[in-house]
PDB file of N, CA and C in Angstrom:
ATOM      1  N   UNK A   1       7.154 -45.836 -14.217  1.00  0.00           N
ATOM      2  CA  UNK A   1       6.446 -46.453 -13.112  1.00  0.00           C
ATOM      3  C   UNK A   1       7.084 -47.809 -12.764  1.00  0.00           C
ATOM      4  N   UNK A   2       7.232 -48.055 -11.481  1.00  0.00           N
ATOM      5  CA  UNK A   2       7.819 -49.292 -10.978  1.00  0.00           C
ATOM      6  C   UNK A   2       6.859 -50.461 -11.202  1.00  0.00           C
ATOM      7  N   UNK A   3       7.364 -51.541 -11.804  1.00  0.00           N
ATOM      8  CA  UNK A   3       6.556 -52.725 -12.060  1.00  0.00           C
ATOM      9  C   UNK A   3       7.286 -53.940 -11.497  1.00  0.00           C
ATOM     10  N   UNK A   4       6.938 -54.350 -10.259  1.00  0.00           N
ATOM     11  CA  UNK A   4       7.680 -55.426  -9.582  1.00  0.00           C
ATOM     12  C   UNK A   4       7.780 -56.730 -10.369  1.00  0.00           C
ATOM     13  N   UNK A   5       6.681 -57.197 -10.959  1.00  0.00           N
ATOM     14  CA  UNK A   5       6.733 -58.484 -11.666  1.00  0.00           C
ATOM     15  C   UNK A   5       7.591 -58.380 -12.920  1.00  0.00           C
ATOM     16  N   UNK A   6       7.511 -57.256 -13.610  1.00  0.00           N
ATOM     17  CA  UNK A   6       8.315 -57.073 -14.816  1.00  0.00           C
ATOM     18  C   UNK A   6       9.805 -57.019 -14.448  1.00  0.00           C
ATOM     19  N   UNK A   7      10.129 -56.270 -13.389  1.00  0.00           N
ATOM     20  CA  UNK A   7      11.520 -56.153 -12.948  1.00  0.00           C
ATOM     21  C   UNK A   7      12.069 -57.484 -12.435  1.00  0.00           C
ATOM     22  N   UNK A   8      11.286 -58.160 -11.590  1.00  0.00           N
ATOM     23  CA  UNK A   8      11.746 -59.433 -11.018  1.00  0.00           C
ATOM     24  C   UNK A   8      11.922 -60.502 -12.093  1.00  0.00           C
ATOM     25  N   UNK A   9      11.003 -60.548 -13.047  1.00  0.00           N
ATOM     26  CA  UNK A   9      11.119 -61.570 -14.089  1.00  0.00           C
ATOM     27  C   UNK A   9      12.299 -61.275 -15.019  1.00  0.00           C
ATOM     28  N   UNK A  10      12.598 -59.992 -15.243  1.00  0.00           N
ATOM     29  CA  UNK A  10      13.752 -59.633 -16.067  1.00  0.00           C
ATOM     30  C   UNK A  10      15.061 -59.973 -15.345  1.00  0.00           C
ATOM     31  N   UNK A  11      15.142 -59.624 -14.068  1.00  0.00           N
ATOM     32  CA  UNK A  11      16.340 -59.946 -13.280  1.00  0.00           C
ATOM     33  C   UNK A  11      16.535 -61.458 -13.179  1.00  0.00           C
ATOM     34  N   UNK A  12      15.442 -62.183 -13.054  1.00  0.00           N
ATOM     35  CA  UNK A  12      15.509 -63.637 -13.004  1.00  0.00           C
ATOM     36  C   UNK A  12      16.020 -64.194 -14.331  1.00  0.00           C
ATOM     37  N   UNK A  13      15.568 -63.631 -15.440  1.00  0.00           N
ATOM     38  CA  UNK A  13      16.030 -64.071 -16.761  1.00  0.00           C
ATOM     39  C   UNK A  13      17.539 -63.878 -16.897  1.00  0.00           C
ATOM     40  N   UNK A  14      18.054 -62.788 -16.377  1.00  0.00           N
ATOM     41  CA  UNK A  14      19.507 -62.552 -16.397  1.00  0.00           C
ATOM     42  C   UNK A  14      20.224 -63.655 -15.617  1.00  0.00           C
ATOM     43  N   UNK A  15      19.701 -63.991 -14.458  1.00  0.00           N
ATOM     44  CA  UNK A  15      20.300 -65.080 -13.661  1.00  0.00           C
ATOM     45  C   UNK A  15      20.280 -66.400 -14.426  1.00  0.00           C
ATOM     46  N   UNK A  16      19.171 -66.654 -15.128  1.00  0.00           N
ATOM     47  CA  UNK A  16      19.026 -67.904 -15.876  1.00  0.00           C
ATOM     48  C   UNK A  16      20.019 -67.955 -17.040  1.00  0.00           C
ATOM     49  N   UNK A  17      20.195 -66.853 -17.738  1.00  0.00           N
ATOM     50  CA  UNK A  17      21.171 -66.796 -18.839  1.00  0.00           C
ATOM     51  C   UNK A  17      22.572 -67.063 -18.297  1.00  0.00           C
ATOM     52  N   UNK A  18      22.906 -66.442 -17.173  1.00  0.00           N
ATOM     53  CA  UNK A  18      24.224 -66.660 -16.572  1.00  0.00           C
ATOM     54  C   UNK A  18      24.386 -68.097 -16.083  1.00  0.00           C
ATOM     55  N   UNK A  19      23.324 -68.669 -15.539  1.00  0.00           N
ATOM     56  CA  UNK A  19      23.369 -70.065 -15.107  1.00  0.00           C
ATOM     57  C   UNK A  19      23.553 -70.989 -16.309  1.00  0.00           C
ATOM     58  N   UNK A  20      22.862 -70.690 -17.401  1.00  0.00           N
ATOM     59  CA  UNK A  20      23.020 -71.480 -18.627  1.00  0.00           C
ATOM     60  C   UNK A  20      24.478 -71.453 -19.083  1.00  0.00           C
ATOM     61  N   UNK A  21      25.086 -70.273 -19.086  1.00  0.00           N
ATOM     62  CA  UNK A  21      26.494 -70.170 -19.504  1.00  0.00           C
ATOM     63  C   UNK A  21      27.389 -70.994 -18.581  1.00  0.00           C
ATOM     64  N   UNK A  22      27.131 -70.930 -17.286  1.00  0.00           N
ATOM     65  CA  UNK A  22      27.901 -71.702 -16.316  1.00  0.00           C
ATOM     66  C   UNK A  22      27.724 -73.206 -16.544  1.00  0.00           C
ATOM     67  N   UNK A  23      26.474 -73.649 -16.695  1.00  0.00           N
ATOM     68  CA  UNK A  23      26.212 -75.083 -16.867  1.00  0.00           C
ATOM     69  C   UNK A  23      26.810 -75.628 -18.158  1.00  0.00           C
ATOM     70  N   UNK A  24      26.724 -74.857 -19.228  1.00  0.00           N
ATOM     71  CA  UNK A  24      27.264 -75.355 -20.495  1.00  0.00           C
ATOM     72  C   UNK A  24      28.787 -75.237 -20.544  1.00  0.00           C
ATOM     73  N   UNK A  25      29.345 -74.166 -20.007  1.00  0.00           N
ATOM     74  CA  UNK A  25      30.805 -73.991 -20.057  1.00  0.00           C
ATOM     75  C   UNK A  25      31.548 -74.793 -18.993  1.00  0.00           C
ATOM     76  N   UNK A  26      31.071 -74.756 -17.760  1.00  0.00           N
ATOM     77  CA  UNK A  26      31.783 -75.391 -16.645  1.00  0.00           C
ATOM     78  C   UNK A  26      31.413 -76.864 -16.450  1.00  0.00           C
ATOM     79  N   UNK A  27      30.134 -77.165 -16.615  1.00  0.00           N
ATOM     80  CA  UNK A  27      29.654 -78.520 -16.325  1.00  0.00           C
ATOM     81  C   UNK A  27      29.412 -79.354 -17.579  1.00  0.00           C
ATOM     82  N   UNK A  28      29.560 -78.741 -18.748  1.00  0.00           N
ATOM     83  CA  UNK A  28      29.286 -79.406 -20.019  1.00  0.00           C
ATOM     84  C   UNK A  28      27.908 -80.067 -20.035  1.00  0.00           C
ATOM     85  N   UNK A  29      26.934 -79.369 -19.469  1.00  0.00           N
ATOM     86  CA  UNK A  29      25.552 -79.858 -19.464  1.00  0.00           C
ATOM     87  C   UNK A  29      24.776 -78.992 -20.449  1.00  0.00           C
ATOM     88  N   UNK A  30      24.232 -79.624 -21.492  1.00  0.00           N
ATOM     89  CA  UNK A  30      23.617 -78.863 -22.577  1.00  0.00           C
ATOM     90  C   UNK A  30      22.112 -79.078 -22.725  1.00  0.00           C
ATOM     91  N   UNK A  31      21.607 -80.244 -22.356  1.00  0.00           N
ATOM     92  CA  UNK A  31      20.200 -80.562 -22.606  1.00  0.00           C
ATOM     93  C   UNK A  31      19.289 -79.909 -21.565  1.00  0.00           C
ATOM     94  N   UNK A  32      19.508 -80.210 -20.303  1.00  0.00           N
ATOM     95  CA  UNK A  32      18.673 -79.642 -19.244  1.00  0.00           C
ATOM     96  C   UNK A  32      18.831 -78.124 -19.167  1.00  0.00           C
ATOM     97  N   UNK A  33      20.057 -77.668 -19.334  1.00  0.00           N
ATOM     98  CA  UNK A  33      20.300 -76.225 -19.239  1.00  0.00           C
ATOM     99  C   UNK A  33      19.603 -75.457 -20.355  1.00  0.00           C
ATOM    100  N   UNK A  34      19.479 -76.061 -21.515  1.00  0.00           N
ATOM    101  CA  UNK A  34      18.771 -75.410 -22.625  1.00  0.00           C
ATOM    102  C   UNK A  34      17.272 -75.311 -22.313  1.00  0.00           C
ATOM    103  N   UNK A  35      16.729 -76.364 -21.706  1.00  0.00           N
ATOM    104  CA  UNK A  35      15.316 -76.342 -21.291  1.00  0.00           C
ATOM    105  C   UNK A  35      15.098 -75.237 -20.258  1.00  0.00           C
ATOM    106  N   UNK A  36      16.016 -75.149 -19.305  1.00  0.00           N
ATOM    107  CA  UNK A  36      15.949 -74.120 -18.275  1.00  0.00           C
ATOM    108  C   UNK A  36      16.043 -72.726 -18.891  1.00  0.00           C
ATOM    109  N   UNK A  37      16.940 -72.554 -19.834  1.00  0.00           N
ATOM    110  CA  UNK A  37      17.110 -71.264 -20.510  1.00  0.00           C
ATOM    111  C   UNK A  37      15.814 -70.859 -21.211  1.00  0.00           C
ATOM    112  N   UNK A  38      15.197 -71.794 -21.908  1.00  0.00           N
ATOM    113  CA  UNK A  38      13.971 -71.498 -22.641  1.00  0.00           C
ATOM    114  C   UNK A  38      12.843 -71.094 -21.695  1.00  0.00           C
ATOM    115  N   UNK A  39      12.584 -71.906 -20.687  1.00  0.00           N
ATOM    116  CA  UNK A  39      11.456 -71.613 -19.794  1.00  0.00           C
ATOM    117  C   UNK A  39      11.743 -70.419 -18.874  1.00  0.00           C
ATOM    118  N   UNK A  40      12.975 -70.326 -18.395  1.00  0.00           N
ATOM    119  CA  UNK A  40      13.321 -69.253 -17.457  1.00  0.00           C
ATOM    120  C   UNK A  40      13.310 -67.861 -18.056  1.00  0.00           C
ATOM    121  N   UNK A  41      13.654 -67.762 -19.335  1.00  0.00           N
ATOM    122  CA  UNK A  41      13.612 -66.453 -19.994  1.00  0.00           C
ATOM    123  C   UNK A  41      12.225 -66.150 -20.553  1.00  0.00           C
ATOM    124  N   UNK A  42      11.438 -67.186 -20.762  1.00  0.00           N
ATOM    125  CA  UNK A  42      10.081 -67.016 -21.284  1.00  0.00           C
ATOM    126  C   UNK A  42       9.151 -66.346 -20.271  1.00  0.00           C
ATOM    127  N   UNK A  43       9.444 -66.498 -18.991  1.00  0.00           N
ATOM    128  CA  UNK A  43       8.615 -65.881 -17.949  1.00  0.00           C
ATOM    129  C   UNK A  43       8.539 -64.373 -18.185  1.00  0.00           C
ATOM    130  N   UNK A  44       9.699 -63.735 -18.227  1.00  0.00           N
ATOM    131  CA  UNK A  44       9.756 -62.288 -18.422  1.00  0.00           C
ATOM    132  C   UNK A  44       9.238 -61.842 -19.769  1.00  0.00           C
ATOM    133  N   UNK A  45       9.475 -62.647 -20.794  1.00  0.00           N
ATOM    134  CA  UNK A  45       8.986 -62.296 -22.136  1.00  0.00           C
ATOM    135  C   UNK A  45       7.457 -62.247 -22.142  1.00  0.00           C
ATOM    136  N   UNK A  46       6.827 -63.215 -21.490  1.00  0.00           N
ATOM    137  CA  UNK A  46       5.361 -63.236 -21.437  1.00  0.00           C
ATOM    138  C   UNK A  46       4.803 -62.132 -20.541  1.00  0.00           C
ATOM    139  N   UNK A  47       5.492 -61.841 -19.451  1.00  0.00           N
ATOM    140  CA  UNK A  47       5.079 -60.734 -18.585  1.00  0.00           C
ATOM    141  C   UNK A  47       5.146 -59.427 -19.374  1.00  0.00           C
ATOM    142  N   UNK A  48       6.236 -59.251 -20.102  1.00  0.00           N
ATOM    143  CA  UNK A  48       6.409 -58.042 -20.906  1.00  0.00           C
ATOM    144  C   UNK A  48       5.323 -57.935 -21.973  1.00  0.00           C
ATOM    145  N   UNK A  49       5.030 -59.053 -22.605  1.00  0.00           N
ATOM    146  CA  UNK A  49       3.982 -59.078 -23.628  1.00  0.00           C
ATOM    147  C   UNK A  49       2.614 -58.767 -23.017  1.00  0.00           C
ATOM    148  N   UNK A  50       2.375 -59.262 -21.813  1.00  0.00           N
ATOM    149  CA  UNK A  50       1.092 -59.027 -21.135  1.00  0.00           C
ATOM    150  C   UNK A  50       0.869 -57.541 -20.868  1.00  0.00           C
ATOM    151  N   UNK A  51       1.958 -56.824 -20.596  1.00  0.00           N
ATOM    152  CA  UNK A  51       1.849 -55.392 -20.309  1.00  0.00           C
ATOM    153  C   UNK A  51       1.268 -54.623 -21.491  1.00  0.00           C
ATOM    154  N   UNK A  52       1.453 -55.153 -22.667  1.00  0.00           N
ATOM    155  CA  UNK A  52       0.931 -54.516 -23.881  1.00  0.00           C
ATOM    156  C   UNK A  52      -0.257 -55.294 -24.453  1.00  0.00           C
ATOM    157  N   UNK A  53      -0.889 -56.074 -23.588  1.00  0.00           N
ATOM    158  CA  UNK A  53      -2.013 -56.902 -24.013  1.00  0.00           C
ATOM    159  C   UNK A  53      -3.121 -56.087 -24.655  1.00  0.00           C
ATOM    160  N   UNK A  54      -3.809 -56.699 -25.596  1.00  0.00           N
ATOM    161  CA  UNK A  54      -4.870 -56.022 -26.335  1.00  0.00           C
ATOM    162  C   UNK A  54      -6.146 -55.892 -25.517  1.00  0.00           C
ATOM    163  N   UNK A  55      -6.280 -56.742 -24.480  1.00  0.00           N
ATOM    164  CA  UNK A  55      -7.476 -56.733 -23.642  1.00  0.00           C
ATOM    165  C   UNK A  55      -7.129 -57.365 -22.299  1.00  0.00           C
ATOM    166  N   UNK A  56      -8.046 -57.264 -21.348  1.00  0.00           N
ATOM    167  CA  UNK A  56      -7.825 -57.913 -20.043  1.00  0.00           C
ATOM    168  C   UNK A  56      -7.709 -59.438 -20.196  1.00  0.00           C
ATOM    169  N   UNK A  57      -8.569 -60.080 -21.013  1.00  0.00           N
ATOM    170  CA  UNK A  57      -8.388 -61.530 -21.202  1.00  0.00           C
ATOM    171  C   UNK A  57      -7.029 -61.879 -21.829  1.00  0.00           C
ATOM    172  N   UNK A  58      -6.544 -61.039 -22.739  1.00  0.00           N
ATOM    173  CA  UNK A  58      -5.223 -61.250 -23.335  1.00  0.00           C
ATOM    174  C   UNK A  58      -4.142 -61.122 -22.265  1.00  0.00           C
ATOM    175  N   UNK A  59      -4.290 -60.141 -21.376  1.00  0.00           N
ATOM    176  CA  UNK A  59      -3.365 -59.942 -20.255  1.00  0.00           C
ATOM    177  C   UNK A  59      -3.316 -61.197 -19.383  1.00  0.00           C
ATOM    178  N   UNK A  60      -4.491 -61.692 -19.014  1.00  0.00           N
ATOM    179  CA  UNK A  60      -4.576 -62.891 -18.167  1.00  0.00           C
ATOM    180  C   UNK A  60      -3.959 -64.091 -18.874  1.00  0.00           C
ATOM    181  N   UNK A  61      -4.206 -64.218 -20.158  1.00  0.00           N
ATOM    182  CA  UNK A  61      -3.650 -65.330 -20.927  1.00  0.00           C
ATOM    183  C   UNK A  61      -2.125 -65.316 -20.898  1.00  0.00           C
ATOM    184  N   UNK A  62      -1.535 -64.160 -21.140  1.00  0.00           N
ATOM    185  CA  UNK A  62      -0.065 -64.053 -21.147  1.00  0.00           C
ATOM    186  C   UNK A  62       0.514 -64.281 -19.753  1.00  0.00           C
ATOM    187  N   UNK A  63      -0.155 -63.748 -18.741  1.00  0.00           N
ATOM    188  CA  UNK A  63       0.311 -63.953 -17.367  1.00  0.00           C
ATOM    189  C   UNK A  63       0.191 -65.426 -16.973  1.00  0.00           C
ATOM    190  N   UNK A  64      -0.844 -66.092 -17.465  1.00  0.00           N
ATOM    191  CA  UNK A  64      -1.011 -67.530 -17.191  1.00  0.00           C
ATOM    192  C   UNK A  64       0.093 -68.336 -17.861  1.00  0.00           C
ATOM    193  N   UNK A  65       0.475 -67.939 -19.054  1.00  0.00           N
ATOM    194  CA  UNK A  65       1.596 -68.606 -19.742  1.00  0.00           C
ATOM    195  C   UNK A  65       2.882 -68.372 -18.953  1.00  0.00           C
ATOM    196  N   UNK A  66       3.083 -67.152 -18.474  1.00  0.00           N
ATOM    197  CA  UNK A  66       4.267 -66.844 -17.664  1.00  0.00           C
ATOM    198  C   UNK A  66       4.285 -67.731 -16.416  1.00  0.00           C
ATOM    199  N   UNK A  67       3.122 -67.933 -15.801  1.00  0.00           N
ATOM    200  CA  UNK A  67       3.020 -68.800 -14.624  1.00  0.00           C
ATOM    201  C   UNK A  67       3.383 -70.245 -14.969  1.00  0.00           C
ATOM    202  N   UNK A  68       2.887 -70.742 -16.093  1.00  0.00           N
ATOM    203  CA  UNK A  68       3.240 -72.098 -16.529  1.00  0.00           C
ATOM    204  C   UNK A  68       4.744 -72.229 -16.755  1.00  0.00           C
ATOM    205  N   UNK A  69       5.333 -71.219 -17.372  1.00  0.00           N
ATOM    206  CA  UNK A  69       6.781 -71.236 -17.617  1.00  0.00           C
ATOM    207  C   UNK A  69       7.558 -71.192 -16.297  1.00  0.00           C
ATOM    208  N   UNK A  70       7.060 -70.442 -15.331  1.00  0.00           N
ATOM    209  CA  UNK A  70       7.709 -70.378 -14.013  1.00  0.00           C
ATOM    210  C   UNK A  70       7.642 -71.741 -13.321  1.00  0.00           C
ATOM    211  N   UNK A  71       6.485 -72.402 -13.436  1.00  0.00           N
ATOM    212  CA  UNK A  71       6.357 -73.745 -12.857  1.00  0.00           C
ATOM    213  C   UNK A  71       7.319 -74.726 -13.527  1.00  0.00           C
ATOM    214  N   UNK A  72       7.448 -74.628 -14.836  1.00  0.00           N
ATOM    215  CA  UNK A  72       8.387 -75.493 -15.546  1.00  0.00           C
ATOM    216  C   UNK A  72       9.826 -75.194 -15.127  1.00  0.00           C
ATOM    217  N   UNK A  73      10.142 -73.931 -14.997  1.00  0.00           N
ATOM    218  CA  UNK A  73      11.491 -73.525 -14.579  1.00  0.00           C
ATOM    219  C   UNK A  73      11.815 -74.078 -13.197  1.00  0.00           C
ATOM    220  N   UNK A  74      10.850 -74.037 -12.315  1.00  0.00           N
ATOM    221  CA  UNK A  74      11.034 -74.580 -10.961  1.00  0.00           C
ATOM    222  C   UNK A  74      11.368 -76.074 -11.047  1.00  0.00           C
ATOM    223  N   UNK A  75      10.717 -76.780 -11.950  1.00  0.00           N
ATOM    224  CA  UNK A  75      10.987 -78.204 -12.166  1.00  0.00           C
ATOM    225  C   UNK A  75      12.446 -78.420 -12.602  1.00  0.00           C
ATOM    226  N   UNK A  76      12.899 -77.647 -13.594  1.00  0.00           N
ATOM    227  CA  UNK A  76      14.267 -77.817 -14.093  1.00  0.00           C
ATOM    228  C   UNK A  76      15.290 -77.477 -13.013  1.00  0.00           C
ATOM    229  N   UNK A  77      15.011 -76.478 -12.196  1.00  0.00           N
ATOM    230  CA  UNK A  77      15.924 -76.109 -11.108  1.00  0.00           C
ATOM    231  C   UNK A  77      16.022 -77.262 -10.108  1.00  0.00           C
ATOM    232  N   UNK A  78      14.877 -77.844  -9.746  1.00  0.00           N
ATOM    233  CA  UNK A  78      14.905 -78.990  -8.822  1.00  0.00           C
ATOM    234  C   UNK A  78      15.651 -80.174  -9.429  1.00  0.00           C
ATOM    235  N   UNK A  79      15.415 -80.438 -10.714  1.00  0.00           N
ATOM    236  CA  UNK A  79      16.078 -81.558 -11.381  1.00  0.00           C
ATOM    237  C   UNK A  79      17.591 -81.341 -11.446  1.00  0.00           C
ATOM    238  N   UNK A  80      18.014 -80.150 -11.783  1.00  0.00           N
ATOM    239  CA  UNK A  80      19.454 -79.849 -11.842  1.00  0.00           C
ATOM    240  C   UNK A  80      20.105 -79.985 -10.465  1.00  0.00           C
ATOM    241  N   UNK A  81      19.382 -79.655  -9.433  1.00  0.00           N
ATOM    242  CA  UNK A  81      19.906 -79.811  -8.073  1.00  0.00           C
ATOM    243  C   UNK A  81      20.007 -81.292  -7.706  1.00  0.00           C
ATOM    244  N   UNK A  82      18.948 -82.037  -7.964  1.00  0.00           N
ATOM    245  CA  UNK A  82      18.922 -83.462  -7.604  1.00  0.00           C
ATOM    246  C   UNK A  82      19.926 -84.286  -8.412  1.00  0.00           C
ATOM    247  N   UNK A  83      20.320 -83.803  -9.578  1.00  0.00           N
ATOM    248  CA  UNK A  83      21.316 -84.505 -10.390  1.00  0.00           C
ATOM    249  C   UNK A  83      22.710 -83.905 -10.203  1.00  0.00           C
ATOM    250  N   UNK A  84      22.831 -83.069  -9.189  1.00  0.00           N
ATOM    251  CA  UNK A  84      24.115 -82.515  -8.727  1.00  0.00           C
ATOM    252  C   UNK A  84      24.803 -81.567  -9.702  1.00  0.00           C
ATOM    253  N   UNK A  85      24.022 -80.922 -10.566  1.00  0.00           N
ATOM    254  CA  UNK A  85      24.580 -79.859 -11.408  1.00  0.00           C
ATOM    255  C   UNK A  85      24.577 -78.525 -10.667  1.00  0.00           C
ATOM    256  N   UNK A  86      23.670 -78.402  -9.683  1.00  0.00           N
ATOM    257  CA  UNK A  86      23.620 -77.210  -8.836  1.00  0.00           C
ATOM    258  C   UNK A  86      23.955 -77.613  -7.413  1.00  0.00           C
ATOM    259  N   UNK A  87      24.724 -76.774  -6.718  1.00  0.00           N
ATOM    260  CA  UNK A  87      24.953 -77.055  -5.304  1.00  0.00           C
ATOM    261  C   UNK A  87      23.784 -76.492  -4.489  1.00  0.00           C
ATOM    262  N   UNK A  88      23.787 -76.774  -3.214  1.00  0.00           N
ATOM    263  CA  UNK A  88      22.659 -76.392  -2.361  1.00  0.00           C
ATOM    264  C   UNK A  88      22.448 -74.876  -2.305  1.00  0.00           C
ATOM    265  N   UNK A  89      23.519 -74.139  -2.273  1.00  0.00           N
ATOM    266  CA  UNK A  89      23.444 -72.674  -2.221  1.00  0.00           C
ATOM    267  C   UNK A  89      22.820 -72.106  -3.505  1.00  0.00           C
ATOM    268  N   UNK A  90      23.284 -72.601  -4.648  1.00  0.00           N
ATOM    269  CA  UNK A  90      22.722 -72.167  -5.930  1.00  0.00           C
ATOM    270  C   UNK A  90      21.235 -72.513  -5.994  1.00  0.00           C
ATOM    271  N   UNK A  91      20.927 -73.747  -5.607  1.00  0.00           N
ATOM    272  CA  UNK A  91      19.540 -74.200  -5.634  1.00  0.00           C
ATOM    273  C   UNK A  91      18.648 -73.329  -4.760  1.00  0.00           C
ATOM    274  N   UNK A  92      19.046 -73.112  -3.511  1.00  0.00           N
ATOM    275  CA  UNK A  92      18.216 -72.344  -2.579  1.00  0.00           C
ATOM    276  C   UNK A  92      17.944 -70.936  -3.094  1.00  0.00           C
ATOM    277  N   UNK A  93      18.961 -70.310  -3.638  1.00  0.00           N
ATOM    278  CA  UNK A  93      18.817 -68.954  -4.153  1.00  0.00           C
ATOM    279  C   UNK A  93      17.872 -68.900  -5.356  1.00  0.00           C
ATOM    280  N   UNK A  94      18.088 -69.791  -6.311  1.00  0.00           N
ATOM    281  CA  UNK A  94      17.234 -69.838  -7.505  1.00  0.00           C
ATOM    282  C   UNK A  94      15.814 -70.250  -7.168  1.00  0.00           C
ATOM    283  N   UNK A  95      15.682 -71.230  -6.279  1.00  0.00           N
ATOM    284  CA  UNK A  95      14.360 -71.719  -5.909  1.00  0.00           C
ATOM    285  C   UNK A  95      13.557 -70.620  -5.215  1.00  0.00           C
ATOM    286  N   UNK A  96      14.207 -69.870  -4.353  1.00  0.00           N
ATOM    287  CA  UNK A  96      13.548 -68.748  -3.660  1.00  0.00           C
ATOM    288  C   UNK A  96      13.024 -67.740  -4.684  1.00  0.00           C
ATOM    289  N   UNK A  97      13.844 -67.409  -5.672  1.00  0.00           N
ATOM    290  CA  UNK A  97      13.441 -66.443  -6.701  1.00  0.00           C
ATOM    291  C   UNK A  97      12.281 -66.952  -7.552  1.00  0.00           C
ATOM    292  N   UNK A  98      12.359 -68.190  -7.998  1.00  0.00           N
ATOM    293  CA  UNK A  98      11.289 -68.713  -8.861  1.00  0.00           C
ATOM    294  C   UNK A  98      10.002 -68.899  -8.058  1.00  0.00           C
ATOM    295  N   UNK A  99      10.134 -69.277  -6.798  1.00  0.00           N
ATOM    296  CA  UNK A  99       8.957 -69.430  -5.946  1.00  0.00           C
ATOM    297  C   UNK A  99       8.266 -68.077  -5.740  1.00  0.00           C
ATOM    298  N   UNK A 100       9.046 -67.031  -5.587  1.00  0.00           N
ATOM    299  CA  UNK A 100       8.495 -65.680  -5.451  1.00  0.00           C
ATOM    300  C   UNK A 100       7.775 -65.258  -6.733  1.00  0.00           C
ATOM    301  N   UNK A 101       8.366 -65.560  -7.885  1.00  0.00           N
ATOM    302  CA  UNK A 101       7.717 -65.257  -9.165  1.00  0.00           C
ATOM    303  C   UNK A 101       6.396 -66.018  -9.308  1.00  0.00           C
ATOM    304  N   UNK A 102       6.403 -67.286  -8.942  1.00  0.00           N
ATOM    305  CA  UNK A 102       5.189 -68.102  -9.021  1.00  0.00           C
ATOM    306  C   UNK A 102       4.094 -67.497  -8.145  1.00  0.00           C
ATOM    307  N   UNK A 103       4.443 -67.115  -6.924  1.00  0.00           N
ATOM    308  CA  UNK A 103       3.461 -66.515  -6.011  1.00  0.00           C
ATOM    309  C   UNK A 103       2.890 -65.216  -6.574  1.00  0.00           C
ATOM    310  N   UNK A 104       3.766 -64.359  -7.091  1.00  0.00           N
ATOM    311  CA  UNK A 104       3.308 -63.095  -7.675  1.00  0.00           C
ATOM    312  C   UNK A 104       2.393 -63.334  -8.876  1.00  0.00           C
ATOM    313  N   UNK A 105       2.803 -64.233  -9.758  1.00  0.00           N
ATOM    314  CA  UNK A 105       2.012 -64.516 -10.955  1.00  0.00           C
ATOM    315  C   UNK A 105       0.661 -65.139 -10.603  1.00  0.00           C
ATOM    316  N   UNK A 106       0.640 -66.031  -9.617  1.00  0.00           N
ATOM    317  CA  UNK A 106      -0.627 -66.631  -9.183  1.00  0.00           C
ATOM    318  C   UNK A 106      -1.555 -65.552  -8.644  1.00  0.00           C
ATOM    319  N   UNK A 107      -1.010 -64.650  -7.858  1.00  0.00           N
ATOM    320  CA  UNK A 107      -1.800 -63.572  -7.285  1.00  0.00           C
ATOM    321  C   UNK A 107      -2.356 -62.645  -8.374  1.00  0.00           C
ATOM    322  N   UNK A 108      -1.517 -62.289  -9.336  1.00  0.00           N
ATOM    323  CA  UNK A 108      -1.945 -61.426 -10.443  1.00  0.00           C
ATOM    324  C   UNK A 108      -3.057 -62.101 -11.242  1.00  0.00           C
ATOM    325  N   UNK A 109      -2.877 -63.371 -11.577  1.00  0.00           N
ATOM    326  CA  UNK A 109      -3.888 -64.097 -12.363  1.00  0.00           C
ATOM    327  C   UNK A 109      -5.195 -64.205 -11.586  1.00  0.00           C
ATOM    328  N   UNK A 110      -5.103 -64.554 -10.311  1.00  0.00           N
ATOM    329  CA  UNK A 110      -6.292 -64.723  -9.489  1.00  0.00           C
ATOM    330  C   UNK A 110      -7.055 -63.404  -9.352  1.00  0.00           C
ATOM    331  N   UNK A 111      -6.350 -62.329  -9.045  1.00  0.00           N
ATOM    332  CA  UNK A 111      -6.982 -61.017  -8.879  1.00  0.00           C
ATOM    333  C   UNK A 111      -7.601 -60.516 -10.180  1.00  0.00           C
ATOM    334  N   UNK A 112      -6.873 -60.643 -11.272  1.00  0.00           N
ATOM    335  CA  UNK A 112      -7.388 -60.171 -12.562  1.00  0.00           C
ATOM    336  C   UNK A 112      -8.602 -60.979 -12.985  1.00  0.00           C
ATOM    337  N   UNK A 113      -8.556 -62.298 -12.796  1.00  0.00           N
ATOM    338  CA  UNK A 113      -9.713 -63.142 -13.133  1.00  0.00           C
ATOM    339  C   UNK A 113     -10.921 -62.778 -12.279  1.00  0.00           C
ATOM    340  N   UNK A 114     -10.693 -62.526 -10.996  1.00  0.00           N
ATOM    341  CA  UNK A 114     -11.783 -62.148 -10.106  1.00  0.00           C
ATOM    342  C   UNK A 114     -12.414 -60.839 -10.564  1.00  0.00           C
ATOM    343  N   UNK A 115     -11.586 -59.869 -10.938  1.00  0.00           N
ATOM    344  CA  UNK A 115     -12.084 -58.579 -11.415  1.00  0.00           C
ATOM    345  C   UNK A 115     -12.831 -58.721 -12.742  1.00  0.00           C
ATOM    346  N   UNK A 116     -12.359 -59.601 -13.619  1.00  0.00           N
ATOM    347  CA  UNK A 116     -13.035 -59.829 -14.890  1.00  0.00           C
ATOM    348  C   UNK A 116     -14.413 -60.464 -14.671  1.00  0.00           C
ATOM    349  N   UNK A 117     -14.491 -61.357 -13.719  1.00  0.00           N
ATOM    350  CA  UNK A 117     -15.753 -62.065 -13.456  1.00  0.00           C
ATOM    351  C   UNK A 117     -16.788 -61.178 -12.767  1.00  0.00           C
ATOM    352  N   UNK A 118     -16.349 -60.081 -12.164  1.00  0.00           N
ATOM    353  CA  UNK A 118     -17.281 -59.141 -11.514  1.00  0.00           C
ATOM    354  C   UNK A 118     -18.070 -58.350 -12.553  1.00  0.00           C
ATOM    355  N   UNK A 119     -17.470 -58.178 -13.741  1.00  0.00           N
ATOM    356  CA  UNK A 119     -18.095 -57.329 -14.761  1.00  0.00           C
ATOM    357  C   UNK A 119     -19.256 -57.996 -15.433  1.00  0.00           C
TER     358      UNK A 119
END
């Protein structure tokens, strides 16, 4: 079965790993890129974990963590751009992807919480 958030977060994690390799190898930037690697790959890990959640509240908890990690990743992407480690094209592409993940995760959390509160 097709799972858009799981697929998008996994594809995004691949981009983040490749960006980390680029930043550390080409730009010799190790501190910010490591933070980005941690938060950017954590999004998909938490989404994946949520899929096997023990309960609906566990699902919401993991998705909320994924949302927090996406927000943090967005911060690191903006910081790397403003400090000139990313060019405008790289920034726009990554920002578009993380913004889409944030929107999807917010929608999932909001809908699931609403459904839980109906019960």
